[in-house]
Amino acid sequence: MEKNEIDPRLQTKAKQYIEFKLEHERTMRETDKAVLESLSQSLRDQMLKQINGRVMKNSEFFQKSFGSNFLTKLAMLLDEQLLAPDEYIYHVWQVLKDIY
């Protein structure tokens, strides 16, 4: 960043974000994955349907655009991505391609 003459304040923000992201991913992902992986396949599927299904139930776009069978399949394939503190996005394009 220094080589590219990035403003020192922006460098600090970027470094703090990276530290936050690495720490968050390390602790939360390991815990979440360990819990899910310790469950039976049936329980894991139910958990994913409920966790990811909640996102789609709260989305007018998903509710108006897709049927319940599709949304159930989609819930099983979503993968949460951390972008910044308190900001999440779900990548659905590859998932949609896999379903169709």
N, C-alpha and C. Protein backbone atom coordinates (compact mmCIF):
# COMPACT_ATOMS: atom_id res chain seq x y z
N MET A 1 0.83 -1.19 0.00
CA MET A 1 0.00 0.00 0.00
C MET A 1 0.87 1.26 0.00
N GLU A 2 1.98 1.18 0.72
CA GLU A 2 2.88 2.33 0.73
C GLU A 2 3.47 2.55 -0.65
N LYS A 3 3.80 1.47 -1.33
CA LYS A 3 4.36 1.56 -2.68
C LYS A 3 3.39 2.28 -3.62
N ASN A 4 2.10 2.06 -3.42
CA ASN A 4 1.08 2.69 -4.25
C ASN A 4 0.61 4.03 -3.70
N GLU A 5 1.32 4.51 -2.68
CA GLU A 5 1.04 5.81 -2.06
C GLU A 5 -0.40 5.92 -1.57
N ILE A 6 -0.88 4.87 -0.90
CA ILE A 6 -2.21 4.87 -0.31
C ILE A 6 -2.17 5.72 0.95
N ASP A 7 -3.18 6.55 1.14
CA ASP A 7 -3.28 7.40 2.32
C ASP A 7 -3.10 6.57 3.59
N PRO A 8 -2.26 7.02 4.53
CA PRO A 8 -2.01 6.24 5.75
C PRO A 8 -3.28 5.90 6.53
N ARG A 9 -4.26 6.79 6.56
CA ARG A 9 -5.51 6.48 7.27
C ARG A 9 -6.26 5.34 6.59
N LEU A 10 -6.24 5.34 5.26
CA LEU A 10 -6.89 4.26 4.52
C LEU A 10 -6.13 2.95 4.73
N GLN A 11 -4.82 3.02 4.79
CA GLN A 11 -4.02 1.83 5.07
C GLN A 11 -4.39 1.24 6.43
N THR A 12 -4.52 2.12 7.41
CA THR A 12 -4.88 1.68 8.76
C THR A 12 -6.25 1.01 8.75
N LYS A 13 -7.23 1.63 8.08
CA LYS A 13 -8.57 1.04 7.99
C LYS A 13 -8.52 -0.32 7.33
N ALA A 14 -7.75 -0.44 6.25
CA ALA A 14 -7.65 -1.71 5.53
C ALA A 14 -7.00 -2.77 6.42
N LYS A 15 -5.96 -2.40 7.14
CA LYS A 15 -5.29 -3.35 8.02
C LYS A 15 -6.21 -3.80 9.15
N GLN A 16 -6.95 -2.84 9.73
CA GLN A 16 -7.89 -3.19 10.80
C GLN A 16 -8.98 -4.11 10.28
N TYR A 17 -9.46 -3.85 9.07
CA TYR A 17 -10.49 -4.71 8.48
C TYR A 17 -9.96 -6.12 8.28
N ILE A 18 -8.76 -6.22 7.75
CA ILE A 18 -8.17 -7.53 7.49
C ILE A 18 -7.99 -8.30 8.80
N GLU A 19 -7.51 -7.61 9.83
CA GLU A 19 -7.36 -8.25 11.14
C GLU A 19 -8.71 -8.72 11.67
N PHE A 20 -9.72 -7.84 11.57
CA PHE A 20 -11.06 -8.21 12.02
C PHE A 20 -11.57 -9.42 11.25
N LYS A 21 -11.44 -9.36 9.95
CA LYS A 21 -11.97 -10.44 9.10
C LYS A 21 -11.28 -11.77 9.41
N LEU A 22 -9.98 -11.74 9.53
CA LEU A 22 -9.26 -12.97 9.81
C LEU A 22 -9.65 -13.55 11.16
N GLU A 23 -9.73 -12.69 12.16
CA GLU A 23 -10.11 -13.17 13.50
C GLU A 23 -11.54 -13.69 13.50
N HIS A 24 -12.44 -12.95 12.88
CA HIS A 24 -13.84 -13.36 12.83
C HIS A 24 -13.99 -14.69 12.10
N GLU A 25 -13.37 -14.77 10.95
CA GLU A 25 -13.48 -16.00 10.16
C GLU A 25 -12.88 -17.18 10.91
N ARG A 26 -11.77 -16.95 11.55
CA ARG A 26 -11.11 -18.04 12.26
C ARG A 26 -11.99 -18.56 13.39
N THR A 27 -12.52 -17.67 14.20
CA THR A 27 -13.29 -18.13 15.35
C THR A 27 -14.70 -18.58 14.97
N MET A 28 -15.40 -17.77 14.20
CA MET A 28 -16.80 -18.08 13.88
C MET A 28 -16.93 -19.23 12.90
N ARG A 29 -16.17 -19.21 11.87
CA ARG A 29 -16.27 -20.26 10.85
C ARG A 29 -15.93 -21.62 11.43
N GLU A 30 -14.85 -21.66 12.20
CA GLU A 30 -14.45 -22.94 12.78
C GLU A 30 -15.53 -23.46 13.70
N THR A 31 -16.10 -22.58 14.51
CA THR A 31 -17.14 -22.99 15.44
C THR A 31 -18.39 -23.44 14.69
N ASP A 32 -18.86 -22.61 13.74
CA ASP A 32 -20.06 -22.93 12.98
C ASP A 32 -19.89 -24.23 12.19
N LYS A 33 -18.77 -24.34 11.51
CA LYS A 33 -18.54 -25.54 10.70
C LYS A 33 -18.42 -26.78 11.58
N ALA A 34 -17.74 -26.64 12.69
CA ALA A 34 -17.58 -27.79 13.58
C ALA A 34 -18.93 -28.26 14.10
N VAL A 35 -19.78 -27.32 14.46
CA VAL A 35 -21.11 -27.68 14.96
C VAL A 35 -21.89 -28.38 13.86
N LEU A 36 -21.94 -27.78 12.68
CA LEU A 36 -22.70 -28.39 11.57
C LEU A 36 -22.14 -29.76 11.20
N GLU A 37 -20.83 -29.87 11.13
CA GLU A 37 -20.22 -31.14 10.74
C GLU A 37 -20.42 -32.23 11.78
N SER A 38 -20.66 -31.85 13.02
CA SER A 38 -20.86 -32.86 14.05
C SER A 38 -22.28 -33.42 14.04
N LEU A 39 -23.17 -32.78 13.32
CA LEU A 39 -24.56 -33.23 13.26
C LEU A 39 -24.74 -34.32 12.22
N SER A 40 -25.82 -35.06 12.35
CA SER A 40 -26.17 -36.02 11.31
C SER A 40 -26.55 -35.24 10.06
N GLN A 41 -26.52 -35.90 8.92
CA GLN A 41 -26.85 -35.23 7.66
C GLN A 41 -28.26 -34.65 7.71
N SER A 42 -29.19 -35.38 8.29
CA SER A 42 -30.57 -34.91 8.38
C SER A 42 -30.67 -33.63 9.22
N LEU A 43 -30.02 -33.63 10.38
CA LEU A 43 -30.05 -32.44 11.23
C LEU A 43 -29.33 -31.27 10.57
N ARG A 44 -28.21 -31.55 9.90
CA ARG A 44 -27.46 -30.51 9.19
C ARG A 44 -28.33 -29.87 8.11
N ASP A 45 -29.03 -30.70 7.35
CA ASP A 45 -29.91 -30.19 6.31
C ASP A 45 -31.02 -29.32 6.90
N GLN A 46 -31.60 -29.77 8.00
CA GLN A 46 -32.65 -28.99 8.64
C GLN A 46 -32.13 -27.65 9.14
N MET A 47 -30.91 -27.65 9.70
CA MET A 47 -30.31 -26.41 10.18
C MET A 47 -30.06 -25.45 9.02
N LEU A 48 -29.50 -25.94 7.93
CA LEU A 48 -29.23 -25.09 6.78
C LEU A 48 -30.52 -24.53 6.19
N LYS A 49 -31.54 -25.37 6.11
CA LYS A 49 -32.82 -24.91 5.59
C LYS A 49 -33.37 -23.78 6.44
N GLN A 50 -33.27 -23.93 7.75
CA GLN A 50 -33.83 -22.91 8.63
C GLN A 50 -32.98 -21.64 8.62
N ILE A 51 -31.67 -21.78 8.74
CA ILE A 51 -30.79 -20.61 8.78
C ILE A 51 -30.85 -19.85 7.47
N ASN A 52 -30.60 -20.54 6.37
CA ASN A 52 -30.57 -19.87 5.07
C ASN A 52 -31.97 -19.54 4.56
N GLY A 53 -32.93 -20.37 4.93
CA GLY A 53 -34.31 -20.11 4.52
C GLY A 53 -34.84 -18.81 5.09
N ARG A 54 -34.38 -18.45 6.27
CA ARG A 54 -34.80 -17.20 6.91
C ARG A 54 -34.44 -16.00 6.04
N VAL A 55 -33.29 -16.05 5.41
CA VAL A 55 -32.84 -14.97 4.54
C VAL A 55 -33.83 -14.79 3.39
N MET A 56 -34.22 -15.90 2.80
CA MET A 56 -35.11 -15.83 1.65
C MET A 56 -36.54 -15.50 2.05
N LYS A 57 -36.98 -15.94 3.22
CA LYS A 57 -38.33 -15.61 3.68
C LYS A 57 -38.49 -14.12 3.92
N ASN A 58 -37.40 -13.46 4.28
CA ASN A 58 -37.43 -12.03 4.54
C ASN A 58 -37.18 -11.20 3.29
N SER A 59 -37.02 -11.86 2.15
CA SER A 59 -36.75 -11.17 0.90
C SER A 59 -37.97 -11.24 -0.01
N GLU A 60 -38.51 -10.09 -0.31
CA GLU A 60 -39.65 -10.03 -1.22
C GLU A 60 -39.28 -10.58 -2.59
N PHE A 61 -38.05 -10.31 -3.02
CA PHE A 61 -37.58 -10.80 -4.32
C PHE A 61 -37.67 -12.32 -4.40
N PHE A 62 -37.11 -13.01 -3.41
CA PHE A 62 -37.14 -14.47 -3.42
C PHE A 62 -38.56 -15.00 -3.33
N GLN A 63 -39.37 -14.41 -2.48
CA GLN A 63 -40.74 -14.89 -2.28
C GLN A 63 -41.59 -14.75 -3.54
N LYS A 64 -41.41 -13.65 -4.27
CA LYS A 64 -42.21 -13.42 -5.47
C LYS A 64 -41.65 -14.14 -6.70
N SER A 65 -40.36 -14.44 -6.68
CA SER A 65 -39.70 -14.96 -7.89
C SER A 65 -39.59 -16.47 -7.97
N PHE A 66 -39.64 -17.16 -6.83
CA PHE A 66 -39.35 -18.59 -6.84
C PHE A 66 -40.35 -19.37 -5.99
N GLY A 67 -40.52 -20.63 -6.34
CA GLY A 67 -41.41 -21.51 -5.59
C GLY A 67 -40.71 -22.08 -4.37
N SER A 68 -41.49 -22.68 -3.49
CA SER A 68 -40.95 -23.19 -2.23
C SER A 68 -39.95 -24.33 -2.43
N ASN A 69 -40.17 -25.19 -3.42
CA ASN A 69 -39.22 -26.29 -3.66
C ASN A 69 -37.86 -25.75 -4.07
N PHE A 70 -37.87 -24.76 -4.94
CA PHE A 70 -36.61 -24.16 -5.37
C PHE A 70 -35.91 -23.48 -4.19
N LEU A 71 -36.66 -22.75 -3.38
CA LEU A 71 -36.08 -22.06 -2.23
C LEU A 71 -35.49 -23.04 -1.22
N THR A 72 -36.12 -24.18 -1.07
CA THR A 72 -35.59 -25.21 -0.17
C THR A 72 -34.25 -25.72 -0.68
N LYS A 73 -34.17 -25.99 -1.97
CA LYS A 73 -32.90 -26.45 -2.56
C LYS A 73 -31.84 -25.37 -2.45
N LEU A 74 -32.24 -24.14 -2.71
CA LEU A 74 -31.31 -23.03 -2.64
C LEU A 74 -30.76 -22.84 -1.23
N ALA A 75 -31.61 -22.99 -0.23
CA ALA A 75 -31.19 -22.84 1.17
C ALA A 75 -30.08 -23.81 1.52
N MET A 76 -30.08 -24.98 0.91
CA MET A 76 -29.07 -25.99 1.19
C MET A 76 -27.71 -25.64 0.58
N LEU A 77 -27.71 -24.75 -0.41
CA LEU A 77 -26.48 -24.48 -1.14
C LEU A 77 -25.86 -23.11 -0.87
N LEU A 78 -26.56 -22.25 -0.15
CA LEU A 78 -26.03 -20.92 0.11
C LEU A 78 -24.77 -20.99 0.97
N ASP A 79 -23.87 -20.07 0.72
CA ASP A 79 -22.64 -19.98 1.50
C ASP A 79 -22.46 -18.53 1.93
N GLU A 80 -22.40 -18.31 3.22
CA GLU A 80 -22.27 -16.96 3.75
C GLU A 80 -20.86 -16.43 3.53
N GLN A 81 -20.76 -15.17 3.11
CA GLN A 81 -19.48 -14.52 2.89
C GLN A 81 -19.41 -13.25 3.73
N LEU A 82 -18.36 -13.11 4.50
CA LEU A 82 -18.17 -11.93 5.32
C LEU A 82 -17.51 -10.84 4.50
N LEU A 83 -18.13 -9.65 4.48
CA LEU A 83 -17.56 -8.54 3.71
C LEU A 83 -16.94 -7.48 4.61
N ALA A 84 -17.64 -7.09 5.64
CA ALA A 84 -17.17 -6.07 6.57
C ALA A 84 -17.96 -6.26 7.85
N PRO A 85 -17.56 -5.57 8.92
CA PRO A 85 -18.32 -5.73 10.16
C PRO A 85 -19.80 -5.48 9.94
N ASP A 86 -20.61 -6.45 10.35
CA ASP A 86 -22.06 -6.38 10.26
C ASP A 86 -22.60 -6.29 8.83
N GLU A 87 -21.85 -6.74 7.85
CA GLU A 87 -22.31 -6.69 6.47
C GLU A 87 -22.07 -8.05 5.82
N TYR A 88 -23.15 -8.70 5.34
CA TYR A 88 -23.05 -10.02 4.74
C TYR A 88 -23.72 -10.01 3.37
N ILE A 89 -23.25 -10.87 2.51
CA ILE A 89 -23.86 -11.03 1.19
C ILE A 89 -23.84 -12.52 0.86
N TYR A 90 -24.82 -12.94 0.11
CA TYR A 90 -24.89 -14.34 -0.30
C TYR A 90 -24.67 -14.41 -1.80
N HIS A 91 -23.74 -15.27 -2.21
CA HIS A 91 -23.48 -15.49 -3.63
C HIS A 91 -24.47 -16.54 -4.11
N VAL A 92 -25.33 -16.15 -5.04
CA VAL A 92 -26.35 -17.10 -5.48
C VAL A 92 -26.20 -17.48 -6.95
N TRP A 93 -25.39 -16.77 -7.69
CA TRP A 93 -25.34 -17.03 -9.13
C TRP A 93 -24.86 -18.42 -9.46
N GLN A 94 -23.75 -18.86 -8.87
CA GLN A 94 -23.26 -20.21 -9.14
C GLN A 94 -24.23 -21.24 -8.59
N VAL A 95 -24.82 -20.94 -7.44
CA VAL A 95 -25.80 -21.84 -6.84
C VAL A 95 -27.00 -21.99 -7.77
N LEU A 96 -27.51 -20.89 -8.30
CA LEU A 96 -28.64 -20.95 -9.21
C LEU A 96 -28.28 -21.76 -10.45
N LYS A 97 -27.08 -21.57 -10.94
CA LYS A 97 -26.63 -22.31 -12.12
C LYS A 97 -26.60 -23.82 -11.81
N ASP A 98 -26.16 -24.19 -10.61
CA ASP A 98 -26.09 -25.59 -10.20
C ASP A 98 -27.47 -26.22 -10.10
N ILE A 99 -28.45 -25.44 -9.67
CA ILE A 99 -29.81 -25.97 -9.48
C ILE A 99 -30.50 -26.18 -10.83
N TYR A 100 -30.28 -25.25 -11.74
CA TYR A 100 -30.96 -25.37 -13.03
C TYR A 100 -30.25 -26.29 -13.93
